[in-house]
PDB file of N, CA and C in Angstrom:
ATOM      1  N   MET A   1      83.736  87.208 -36.802  1.00  0.00           N
ATOM      2  CA  MET A   1      83.928  86.408 -35.626  1.00  0.00           C
ATOM      3  C   MET A   1      85.318  86.685 -35.094  1.00  0.00           C
ATOM      4  N   ILE A   2      85.372  86.879 -33.776  1.00  0.00           N
ATOM      5  CA  ILE A   2      86.645  87.213 -33.167  1.00  0.00           C
ATOM      6  C   ILE A   2      86.985  86.135 -32.153  1.00  0.00           C
ATOM      7  N   LEU A   3      88.237  85.778 -32.066  1.00  0.00           N
ATOM      8  CA  LEU A   3      88.647  84.716 -31.169  1.00  0.00           C
ATOM      9  C   LEU A   3      88.681  85.127 -29.707  1.00  0.00           C
ATOM     10  N   ASP A   4      88.745  86.386 -29.384  1.00  0.00           N
ATOM     11  CA  ASP A   4      88.755  86.975 -28.049  1.00  0.00           C
ATOM     12  C   ASP A   4      89.612  86.219 -27.050  1.00  0.00           C
ATOM     13  N   ASN A   5      89.058  85.790 -25.922  1.00  0.00           N
ATOM     14  CA  ASN A   5      89.842  85.181 -24.848  1.00  0.00           C
ATOM     15  C   ASN A   5      90.501  83.870 -25.244  1.00  0.00           C
ATOM     16  N   LYS A   6      89.871  83.116 -26.115  1.00  0.00           N
ATOM     17  CA  LYS A   6      90.457  81.849 -26.550  1.00  0.00           C
ATOM     18  C   LYS A   6      91.769  82.091 -27.293  1.00  0.00           C
ATOM     19  N   SER A   7      91.888  83.234 -27.947  1.00  0.00           N
ATOM     20  CA  SER A   7      93.115  83.505 -28.695  1.00  0.00           C
ATOM     21  C   SER A   7      94.322  83.543 -27.773  1.00  0.00           C
ATOM     22  N   LYS A   8      94.145  84.057 -26.559  1.00  0.00           N
ATOM     23  CA  LYS A   8      95.256  84.091 -25.601  1.00  0.00           C
ATOM     24  C   LYS A   8      95.656  82.677 -25.206  1.00  0.00           C
ATOM     25  N   THR A   9      94.674  81.823 -24.980  1.00  0.00           N
ATOM     26  CA  THR A   9      94.957  80.437 -24.627  1.00  0.00           C
ATOM     27  C   THR A   9      95.701  79.746 -25.770  1.00  0.00           C
ATOM     28  N   ILE A  10      95.227  79.978 -26.978  1.00  0.00           N
ATOM     29  CA  ILE A  10      95.860  79.365 -28.142  1.00  0.00           C
ATOM     30  C   ILE A  10      97.266  79.920 -28.338  1.00  0.00           C
ATOM     31  N   MET A  11      97.427  81.223 -28.217  1.00  0.00           N
ATOM     32  CA  MET A  11      98.752  81.832 -28.375  1.00  0.00           C
ATOM     33  C   MET A  11      99.732  81.270 -27.354  1.00  0.00           C
ATOM     34  N   ASN A  12      99.283  81.120 -26.106  1.00  0.00           N
ATOM     35  CA  ASN A  12     100.152  80.554 -25.078  1.00  0.00           C
ATOM     36  C   ASN A  12     100.500  79.101 -25.391  1.00  0.00           C
ATOM     37  N   ALA A  13      99.514  78.335 -25.824  1.00  0.00           N
ATOM     38  CA  ALA A  13      99.740  76.926 -26.133  1.00  0.00           C
ATOM     39  C   ALA A  13     100.700  76.755 -27.305  1.00  0.00           C
ATOM     40  N   LEU A  14     100.563  77.611 -28.291  1.00  0.00           N
ATOM     41  CA  LEU A  14     101.430  77.528 -29.466  1.00  0.00           C
ATOM     42  C   LEU A  14     102.772  78.222 -29.248  1.00  0.00           C
ATOM     43  N   ASP A  15     102.860  78.941 -28.134  1.00  0.00           N
ATOM     44  CA  ASP A  15     104.076  79.670 -27.783  1.00  0.00           C
ATOM     45  C   ASP A  15     104.506  80.583 -28.941  1.00  0.00           C
ATOM     46  N   ILE A  16     103.571  81.397 -29.394  1.00  0.00           N
ATOM     47  CA  ILE A  16     103.876  82.305 -30.504  1.00  0.00           C
ATOM     48  C   ILE A  16     104.199  83.716 -30.029  1.00  0.00           C
ATOM     49  N   SER A  17     104.304  83.882 -28.715  1.00  0.00           N
ATOM     50  CA  SER A  17     104.578  85.217 -28.180  1.00  0.00           C
ATOM     51  C   SER A  17     105.941  85.752 -28.614  1.00  0.00           C
ATOM     52  N   GLU A  18     106.839  84.855 -28.977  1.00  0.00           N
ATOM     53  CA  GLU A  18     108.167  85.273 -29.423  1.00  0.00           C
ATOM     54  C   GLU A  18     108.183  85.705 -30.889  1.00  0.00           C
ATOM     55  N   LEU A  19     107.125  85.414 -31.603  1.00  0.00           N
ATOM     56  CA  LEU A  19     107.053  85.784 -33.014  1.00  0.00           C
ATOM     57  C   LEU A  19     106.781  87.277 -33.158  1.00  0.00           C
ATOM     58  N   ALA A  20     107.105  87.783 -34.316  1.00  0.00           N
ATOM     59  CA  ALA A  20     106.820  89.183 -34.614  1.00  0.00           C
ATOM     60  C   ALA A  20     105.305  89.403 -34.586  1.00  0.00           C
ATOM     61  N   PRO A  21     104.868  90.598 -34.194  1.00  0.00           N
ATOM     62  CA  PRO A  21     103.423  90.877 -34.140  1.00  0.00           C
ATOM     63  C   PRO A  21     102.704  90.552 -35.448  1.00  0.00           C
ATOM     64  N   GLU A  22     103.361  90.791 -36.576  1.00  0.00           N
ATOM     65  CA  GLU A  22     102.722  90.508 -37.867  1.00  0.00           C
ATOM     66  C   GLU A  22     102.480  89.003 -38.025  1.00  0.00           C
ATOM     67  N   GLU A  23     103.424  88.193 -37.569  1.00  0.00           N
ATOM     68  CA  GLU A  23     103.270  86.746 -37.661  1.00  0.00           C
ATOM     69  C   GLU A  23     102.191  86.249 -36.700  1.00  0.00           C
ATOM     70  N   GLN A  24     102.145  86.830 -35.515  1.00  0.00           N
ATOM     71  CA  GLN A  24     101.092  86.482 -34.564  1.00  0.00           C
ATOM     72  C   GLN A  24      99.725  86.795 -35.154  1.00  0.00           C
ATOM     73  N   GLU A  25      99.617  87.967 -35.752  1.00  0.00           N
ATOM     74  CA  GLU A  25      98.348  88.374 -36.353  1.00  0.00           C
ATOM     75  C   GLU A  25      97.948  87.427 -37.486  1.00  0.00           C
ATOM     76  N   GLU A  26      98.913  87.023 -38.284  1.00  0.00           N
ATOM     77  CA  GLU A  26      98.628  86.104 -39.387  1.00  0.00           C
ATOM     78  C   GLU A  26      98.105  84.769 -38.859  1.00  0.00           C
ATOM     79  N   ILE A  27      98.716  84.270 -37.790  1.00  0.00           N
ATOM     80  CA  ILE A  27      98.262  83.019 -37.195  1.00  0.00           C
ATOM     81  C   ILE A  27      96.848  83.169 -36.653  1.00  0.00           C
ATOM     82  N   LEU A  28      96.579  84.278 -35.976  1.00  0.00           N
ATOM     83  CA  LEU A  28      95.236  84.500 -35.439  1.00  0.00           C
ATOM     84  C   LEU A  28      94.199  84.665 -36.548  1.00  0.00           C
ATOM     85  N   LEU A  29      94.587  85.287 -37.648  1.00  0.00           N
ATOM     86  CA  LEU A  29      93.665  85.403 -38.782  1.00  0.00           C
ATOM     87  C   LEU A  29      93.372  84.023 -39.375  1.00  0.00           C
ATOM     88  N   ASP A  30      94.404  83.181 -39.444  1.00  0.00           N
ATOM     89  CA  ASP A  30      94.200  81.815 -39.928  1.00  0.00           C
ATOM     90  C   ASP A  30      93.261  81.046 -39.002  1.00  0.00           C
ATOM     91  N   LEU A  31      93.434  81.224 -37.699  1.00  0.00           N
ATOM     92  CA  LEU A  31      92.546  80.570 -36.737  1.00  0.00           C
ATOM     93  C   LEU A  31      91.116  81.086 -36.878  1.00  0.00           C
ATOM     94  N   ASN A  32      90.981  82.383 -37.087  1.00  0.00           N
ATOM     95  CA  ASN A  32      89.663  82.971 -37.291  1.00  0.00           C
ATOM     96  C   ASN A  32      88.994  82.352 -38.519  1.00  0.00           C
ATOM     97  N   THR A  33      89.769  82.148 -39.566  1.00  0.00           N
ATOM     98  CA  THR A  33      89.245  81.522 -40.779  1.00  0.00           C
ATOM     99  C   THR A  33      88.798  80.096 -40.498  1.00  0.00           C
ATOM    100  N   LEU A  34      89.599  79.364 -39.719  1.00  0.00           N
ATOM    101  CA  LEU A  34      89.216  77.999 -39.349  1.00  0.00           C
ATOM    102  C   LEU A  34      87.909  77.977 -38.574  1.00  0.00           C
ATOM    103  N   VAL A  35      87.767  78.886 -37.631  1.00  0.00           N
ATOM    104  CA  VAL A  35      86.539  78.956 -36.843  1.00  0.00           C
ATOM    105  C   VAL A  35      85.361  79.308 -37.741  1.00  0.00           C
ATOM    106  N   PHE A  36      85.555  80.273 -38.622  1.00  0.00           N
ATOM    107  CA  PHE A  36      84.481  80.698 -39.521  1.00  0.00           C
ATOM    108  C   PHE A  36      84.049  79.540 -40.414  1.00  0.00           C
ATOM    109  N   GLU A  37      85.010  78.863 -41.022  1.00  0.00           N
ATOM    110  CA  GLU A  37      84.679  77.768 -41.938  1.00  0.00           C
ATOM    111  C   GLU A  37      84.059  76.586 -41.195  1.00  0.00           C
ATOM    112  N   GLY A  38      84.596  76.273 -40.020  1.00  0.00           N
ATOM    113  CA  GLY A  38      84.026  75.187 -39.227  1.00  0.00           C
ATOM    114  C   GLY A  38      82.603  75.482 -38.799  1.00  0.00           C
ATOM    115  N   THR A  39      82.373  76.718 -38.395  1.00  0.00           N
ATOM    116  CA  THR A  39      81.029  77.128 -38.002  1.00  0.00           C
ATOM    117  C   THR A  39      80.088  77.074 -39.198  1.00  0.00           C
ATOM    118  N   LEU A  40      80.564  77.536 -40.316  1.00  0.00           N
ATOM    119  CA  LEU A  40      79.752  77.527 -41.532  1.00  0.00           C
ATOM    120  C   LEU A  40      79.302  76.112 -41.872  1.00  0.00           C
ATOM    121  N   LEU A  41      80.206  75.161 -41.789  1.00  0.00           N
ATOM    122  CA  LEU A  41      79.840  73.767 -42.073  1.00  0.00           C
ATOM    123  C   LEU A  41      78.773  73.265 -41.091  1.00  0.00           C
ATOM    124  N   ARG A  42      78.935  73.586 -39.816  1.00  0.00           N
ATOM    125  CA  ARG A  42      77.936  73.182 -38.819  1.00  0.00           C
ATOM    126  C   ARG A  42      76.570  73.773 -39.149  1.00  0.00           C
ATOM    127  N   LEU A  43      76.563  75.035 -39.516  1.00  0.00           N
ATOM    128  CA  LEU A  43      75.292  75.717 -39.759  1.00  0.00           C
ATOM    129  C   LEU A  43      74.622  75.246 -41.039  1.00  0.00           C
ATOM    130  N   ILE A  44      75.386  74.962 -42.057  1.00  0.00           N
ATOM    131  CA  ILE A  44      74.802  74.452 -43.302  1.00  0.00           C
ATOM    132  C   ILE A  44      74.097  73.128 -43.040  1.00  0.00           C
ATOM    133  N   GLU A  45      74.684  72.315 -42.167  1.00  0.00           N
ATOM    134  CA  GLU A  45      74.074  71.023 -41.839  1.00  0.00           C
ATOM    135  C   GLU A  45      72.698  71.170 -41.195  1.00  0.00           C
ATOM    136  N   ILE A  46      72.469  72.255 -40.460  1.00  0.00           N
ATOM    137  CA  ILE A  46      71.187  72.402 -39.765  1.00  0.00           C
ATOM    138  C   ILE A  46      70.201  73.323 -40.485  1.00  0.00           C
ATOM    139  N   MET A  47      70.618  73.906 -41.600  1.00  0.00           N
ATOM    140  CA  MET A  47      69.727  74.796 -42.349  1.00  0.00           C
ATOM    141  C   MET A  47      68.595  74.013 -42.999  1.00  0.00           C
ATOM    142  N   ASP A  48      67.411  74.649 -43.053  1.00  0.00           N
ATOM    143  CA  ASP A  48      66.334  74.061 -43.839  1.00  0.00           C
ATOM    144  C   ASP A  48      66.615  74.348 -45.317  1.00  0.00           C
ATOM    145  N   GLU A  49      65.859  73.719 -46.191  1.00  0.00           N
ATOM    146  CA  GLU A  49      66.125  73.833 -47.637  1.00  0.00           C
ATOM    147  C   GLU A  49      66.014  75.269 -48.151  1.00  0.00           C
ATOM    148  N   LYS A  50      65.034  76.004 -47.681  1.00  0.00           N
ATOM    149  CA  LYS A  50      64.859  77.396 -48.121  1.00  0.00           C
ATOM    150  C   LYS A  50      66.067  78.236 -47.725  1.00  0.00           C
ATOM    151  N   THR A  51      66.522  78.064 -46.493  1.00  0.00           N
ATOM    152  CA  THR A  51      67.676  78.822 -46.032  1.00  0.00           C
ATOM    153  C   THR A  51      68.922  78.419 -46.810  1.00  0.00           C
ATOM    154  N   LYS A  52      69.078  77.125 -47.092  1.00  0.00           N
ATOM    155  CA  LYS A  52      70.221  76.665 -47.897  1.00  0.00           C
ATOM    156  C   LYS A  52      70.196  77.303 -49.284  1.00  0.00           C
ATOM    157  N   ASP A  53      69.014  77.342 -49.898  1.00  0.00           N
ATOM    158  CA  ASP A  53      68.890  77.960 -51.225  1.00  0.00           C
ATOM    159  C   ASP A  53      69.242  79.448 -51.169  1.00  0.00           C
ATOM    160  N   ASP A  54      68.702  80.142 -50.169  1.00  0.00           N
ATOM    161  CA  ASP A  54      68.996  81.569 -50.013  1.00  0.00           C
ATOM    162  C   ASP A  54      70.480  81.797 -49.742  1.00  0.00           C
ATOM    163  N   PHE A  55      71.061  80.919 -48.949  1.00  0.00           N
ATOM    164  CA  PHE A  55      72.480  81.034 -48.631  1.00  0.00           C
ATOM    165  C   PHE A  55      73.324  80.809 -49.882  1.00  0.00           C
ATOM    166  N   SER A  56      72.954  79.836 -50.662  1.00  0.00           N
ATOM    167  CA  SER A  56      73.665  79.556 -51.914  1.00  0.00           C
ATOM    168  C   SER A  56      73.604  80.762 -52.846  1.00  0.00           C
ATOM    169  N   THR A  57      72.441  81.372 -52.942  1.00  0.00           N
ATOM    170  CA  THR A  57      72.265  82.571 -53.765  1.00  0.00           C
ATOM    171  C   THR A  57      73.152  83.703 -53.247  1.00  0.00           C
ATOM    172  N   LEU A  58      73.172  83.859 -51.936  1.00  0.00           N
ATOM    173  CA  LEU A  58      74.026  84.884 -51.337  1.00  0.00           C
ATOM    174  C   LEU A  58      75.494  84.628 -51.663  1.00  0.00           C
ATOM    175  N   MET A  59      75.930  83.390 -51.543  1.00  0.00           N
ATOM    176  CA  MET A  59      77.336  83.065 -51.772  1.00  0.00           C
ATOM    177  C   MET A  59      77.736  83.285 -53.232  1.00  0.00           C
ATOM    178  N   ASP A  60      76.786  83.188 -54.136  1.00  0.00           N
ATOM    179  CA  ASP A  60      77.069  83.451 -55.553  1.00  0.00           C
ATOM    180  C   ASP A  60      77.465  84.906 -55.795  1.00  0.00           C
ATOM    181  N   THR A  61      77.131  85.793 -54.847  1.00  0.00           N
ATOM    182  CA  THR A  61      77.453  87.218 -54.995  1.00  0.00           C
ATOM    183  C   THR A  61      78.822  87.569 -54.417  1.00  0.00           C
ATOM    184  N   ASP A  62      79.539  86.551 -53.892  1.00  0.00           N
ATOM    185  CA  ASP A  62      80.863  86.745 -53.281  1.00  0.00           C
ATOM    186  C   ASP A  62      80.822  87.797 -52.171  1.00  0.00           C
ATOM    187  N   PRO A  63      79.963  87.550 -51.159  1.00  0.00           N
ATOM    188  CA  PRO A  63      79.811  88.531 -50.075  1.00  0.00           C
ATOM    189  C   PRO A  63      81.007  88.502 -49.127  1.00  0.00           C
ATOM    190  N   GLY A  64      81.154  89.543 -48.364  1.00  0.00           N
ATOM    191  CA  GLY A  64      82.194  89.588 -47.349  1.00  0.00           C
ATOM    192  C   GLY A  64      81.775  88.781 -46.132  1.00  0.00           C
ATOM    193  N   GLU A  65      82.728  88.546 -45.249  1.00  0.00           N
ATOM    194  CA  GLU A  65      82.462  87.758 -44.045  1.00  0.00           C
ATOM    195  C   GLU A  65      81.376  88.391 -43.184  1.00  0.00           C
ATOM    196  N   GLU A  66      81.347  89.719 -43.137  1.00  0.00           N
ATOM    197  CA  GLU A  66      80.346  90.401 -42.322  1.00  0.00           C
ATOM    198  C   GLU A  66      78.932  90.137 -42.825  1.00  0.00           C
ATOM    199  N   VAL A  67      78.767  90.120 -44.143  1.00  0.00           N
ATOM    200  CA  VAL A  67      77.451  89.870 -44.739  1.00  0.00           C
ATOM    201  C   VAL A  67      77.021  88.432 -44.467  1.00  0.00           C
ATOM    202  N   VAL A  68      77.951  87.513 -44.616  1.00  0.00           N
ATOM    203  CA  VAL A  68      77.650  86.102 -44.364  1.00  0.00           C
ATOM    204  C   VAL A  68      77.282  85.908 -42.897  1.00  0.00           C
ATOM    205  N   THR A  69      78.057  86.512 -42.014  1.00  0.00           N
ATOM    206  CA  THR A  69      77.797  86.395 -40.577  1.00  0.00           C
ATOM    207  C   THR A  69      76.419  86.947 -40.236  1.00  0.00           C
ATOM    208  N   ALA A  70      76.072  88.101 -40.785  1.00  0.00           N
ATOM    209  CA  ALA A  70      74.760  88.699 -40.524  1.00  0.00           C
ATOM    210  C   ALA A  70      73.640  87.779 -41.010  1.00  0.00           C
ATOM    211  N   PHE A  71      73.799  87.205 -42.186  1.00  0.00           N
ATOM    212  CA  PHE A  71      72.802  86.277 -42.718  1.00  0.00           C
ATOM    213  C   PHE A  71      72.623  85.092 -41.766  1.00  0.00           C
ATOM    214  N   LEU A  72      73.735  84.511 -41.353  1.00  0.00           N
ATOM    215  CA  LEU A  72      73.676  83.336 -40.493  1.00  0.00           C
ATOM    216  C   LEU A  72      73.038  83.649 -39.147  1.00  0.00           C
ATOM    217  N   GLU A  73      73.409  84.777 -38.569  1.00  0.00           N
ATOM    218  CA  GLU A  73      72.848  85.145 -37.264  1.00  0.00           C
ATOM    219  C   GLU A  73      71.353  85.409 -37.359  1.00  0.00           C
ATOM    220  N   GLU A  74      70.933  85.958 -38.490  1.00  0.00           N
ATOM    221  CA  GLU A  74      69.521  86.292 -38.666  1.00  0.00           C
ATOM    222  C   GLU A  74      68.677  85.083 -39.046  1.00  0.00           C
ATOM    223  N   ARG A  75      69.226  84.211 -39.865  1.00  0.00           N
ATOM    224  CA  ARG A  75      68.419  83.144 -40.462  1.00  0.00           C
ATOM    225  C   ARG A  75      68.606  81.750 -39.860  1.00  0.00           C
ATOM    226  N   VAL A  76      69.665  81.558 -39.101  1.00  0.00           N
ATOM    227  CA  VAL A  76      69.941  80.211 -38.592  1.00  0.00           C
ATOM    228  C   VAL A  76      69.951  80.225 -37.066  1.00  0.00           C
ATOM    229  N   PRO A  77      68.955  79.613 -36.456  1.00  0.00           N
ATOM    230  CA  PRO A  77      68.932  79.545 -34.993  1.00  0.00           C
ATOM    231  C   PRO A  77      70.160  78.781 -34.478  1.00  0.00           C
ATOM    232  N   GLY A  78      70.729  79.278 -33.418  1.00  0.00           N
ATOM    233  CA  GLY A  78      71.874  78.600 -32.830  1.00  0.00           C
ATOM    234  C   GLY A  78      73.206  78.969 -33.438  1.00  0.00           C
ATOM    235  N   ALA A  79      73.240  80.030 -34.239  1.00  0.00           N
ATOM    236  CA  ALA A  79      74.487  80.407 -34.906  1.00  0.00           C
ATOM    237  C   ALA A  79      75.585  80.733 -33.899  1.00  0.00           C
ATOM    238  N   GLU A  80      75.238  81.490 -32.881  1.00  0.00           N
ATOM    239  CA  GLU A  80      76.248  81.875 -31.883  1.00  0.00           C
ATOM    240  C   GLU A  80      76.770  80.655 -31.132  1.00  0.00           C
ATOM    241  N   LYS A  81      75.885  79.732 -30.823  1.00  0.00           N
ATOM    242  CA  LYS A  81      76.296  78.504 -30.138  1.00  0.00           C
ATOM    243  C   LYS A  81      77.226  77.687 -31.030  1.00  0.00           C
ATOM    244  N   ALA A  82      76.956  77.663 -32.321  1.00  0.00           N
ATOM    245  CA  ALA A  82      77.807  76.926 -33.252  1.00  0.00           C
ATOM    246  C   ALA A  82      79.211  77.526 -33.288  1.00  0.00           C
ATOM    247  N   VAL A  83      79.301  78.853 -33.210  1.00  0.00           N
ATOM    248  CA  VAL A  83      80.608  79.520 -33.164  1.00  0.00           C
ATOM    249  C   VAL A  83      81.356  79.068 -31.914  1.00  0.00           C
ATOM    250  N   GLU A  84      80.677  79.099 -30.782  1.00  0.00           N
ATOM    251  CA  GLU A  84      81.302  78.705 -29.519  1.00  0.00           C
ATOM    252  C   GLU A  84      81.764  77.253 -29.556  1.00  0.00           C
ATOM    253  N   GLU A  85      80.926  76.362 -30.088  1.00  0.00           N
ATOM    254  CA  GLU A  85      81.284  74.946 -30.165  1.00  0.00           C
ATOM    255  C   GLU A  85      82.479  74.722 -31.081  1.00  0.00           C
ATOM    256  N   THR A  86      82.486  75.397 -32.210  1.00  0.00           N
ATOM    257  CA  THR A  86      83.599  75.265 -33.148  1.00  0.00           C
ATOM    258  C   THR A  86      84.889  75.777 -32.530  1.00  0.00           C
ATOM    259  N   LEU A  87      84.809  76.925 -31.896  1.00  0.00           N
ATOM    260  CA  LEU A  87      85.981  77.507 -31.252  1.00  0.00           C
ATOM    261  C   LEU A  87      86.504  76.593 -30.146  1.00  0.00           C
ATOM    262  N   GLU A  88      85.608  76.043 -29.369  1.00  0.00           N
ATOM    263  CA  GLU A  88      86.003  75.122 -28.294  1.00  0.00           C
ATOM    264  C   GLU A  88      86.681  73.881 -28.870  1.00  0.00           C
ATOM    265  N   GLU A  89      86.120  73.353 -29.948  1.00  0.00           N
ATOM    266  CA  GLU A  89      86.681  72.163 -30.583  1.00  0.00           C
ATOM    267  C   GLU A  89      88.078  72.435 -31.136  1.00  0.00           C
ATOM    268  N   ILE A  90      88.239  73.543 -31.821  1.00  0.00           N
ATOM    269  CA  ILE A  90      89.542  73.883 -32.393  1.00  0.00           C
ATOM    270  C   ILE A  90      90.561  74.129 -31.280  1.00  0.00           C
ATOM    271  N   THR A  91      90.141  74.835 -30.237  1.00  0.00           N
ATOM    272  CA  THR A  91      91.035  75.087 -29.110  1.00  0.00           C
ATOM    273  C   THR A  91      91.471  73.770 -28.476  1.00  0.00           C
ATOM    274  N   SER A  92      90.534  72.862 -28.251  1.00  0.00           N
ATOM    275  CA  SER A  92      90.861  71.569 -27.665  1.00  0.00           C
ATOM    276  C   SER A  92      91.818  70.788 -28.551  1.00  0.00           C
ATOM    277  N   ASP A  93      91.564  70.803 -29.864  1.00  0.00           N
ATOM    278  CA  ASP A  93      92.450  70.101 -30.796  1.00  0.00           C
ATOM    279  C   ASP A  93      93.865  70.662 -30.756  1.00  0.00           C
ATOM    280  N   ILE A  94      93.972  71.970 -30.740  1.00  0.00           N
ATOM    281  CA  ILE A  94      95.289  72.603 -30.697  1.00  0.00           C
ATOM    282  C   ILE A  94      95.995  72.269 -29.395  1.00  0.00           C
ATOM    283  N   LEU A  95      95.292  72.385 -28.286  1.00  0.00           N
ATOM    284  CA  LEU A  95      95.903  72.109 -26.988  1.00  0.00           C
ATOM    285  C   LEU A  95      96.318  70.653 -26.868  1.00  0.00           C
ATOM    286  N   ALA A  96      95.551  69.746 -27.461  1.00  0.00           N
ATOM    287  CA  ALA A  96      95.882  68.324 -27.412  1.00  0.00           C
ATOM    288  C   ALA A  96      97.157  68.011 -28.200  1.00  0.00           C
ATOM    289  N   THR A  97      97.411  68.760 -29.238  1.00  0.00           N
ATOM    290  CA  THR A  97      98.595  68.479 -30.054  1.00  0.00           C
ATOM    291  C   THR A  97      99.871  69.093 -29.512  1.00  0.00           C
ATOM    292  N   VAL A  98      99.748  70.107 -28.663  1.00  0.00           N
ATOM    293  CA  VAL A  98     100.951  70.763 -28.163  1.00  0.00           C
ATOM    294  C   VAL A  98     101.318  70.332 -26.743  1.00  0.00           C
ATOM    295  N   GLU A  99     100.469  69.571 -26.110  1.00  0.00           N
ATOM    296  CA  GLU A  99     100.765  69.149 -24.733  1.00  0.00           C
ATOM    297  C   GLU A  99     101.536  67.874 -24.704  1.00  0.00           C
TER     298      GLU A  99
END
């Protein structure tokens, strides 16, 4: 999952443009992790029992983010919408705290 255009809004709101590129990247990676984890929680809530069991089995193998994302996109309807909602929520929360 990539933050794309929202990352610019967040970077401007946090005023991190003065930071070193490595620090900016670290912050964006942290935000990406927040979006991923927030989305994951949303999707687990809407999974049926079979999908939850399969997901649990998958997670026992310590898969990479790409594998988890592919599973979610394939098996959970509304995965992309959940990403958008999570990203919007996090962006709103960040903007509310810096304004």
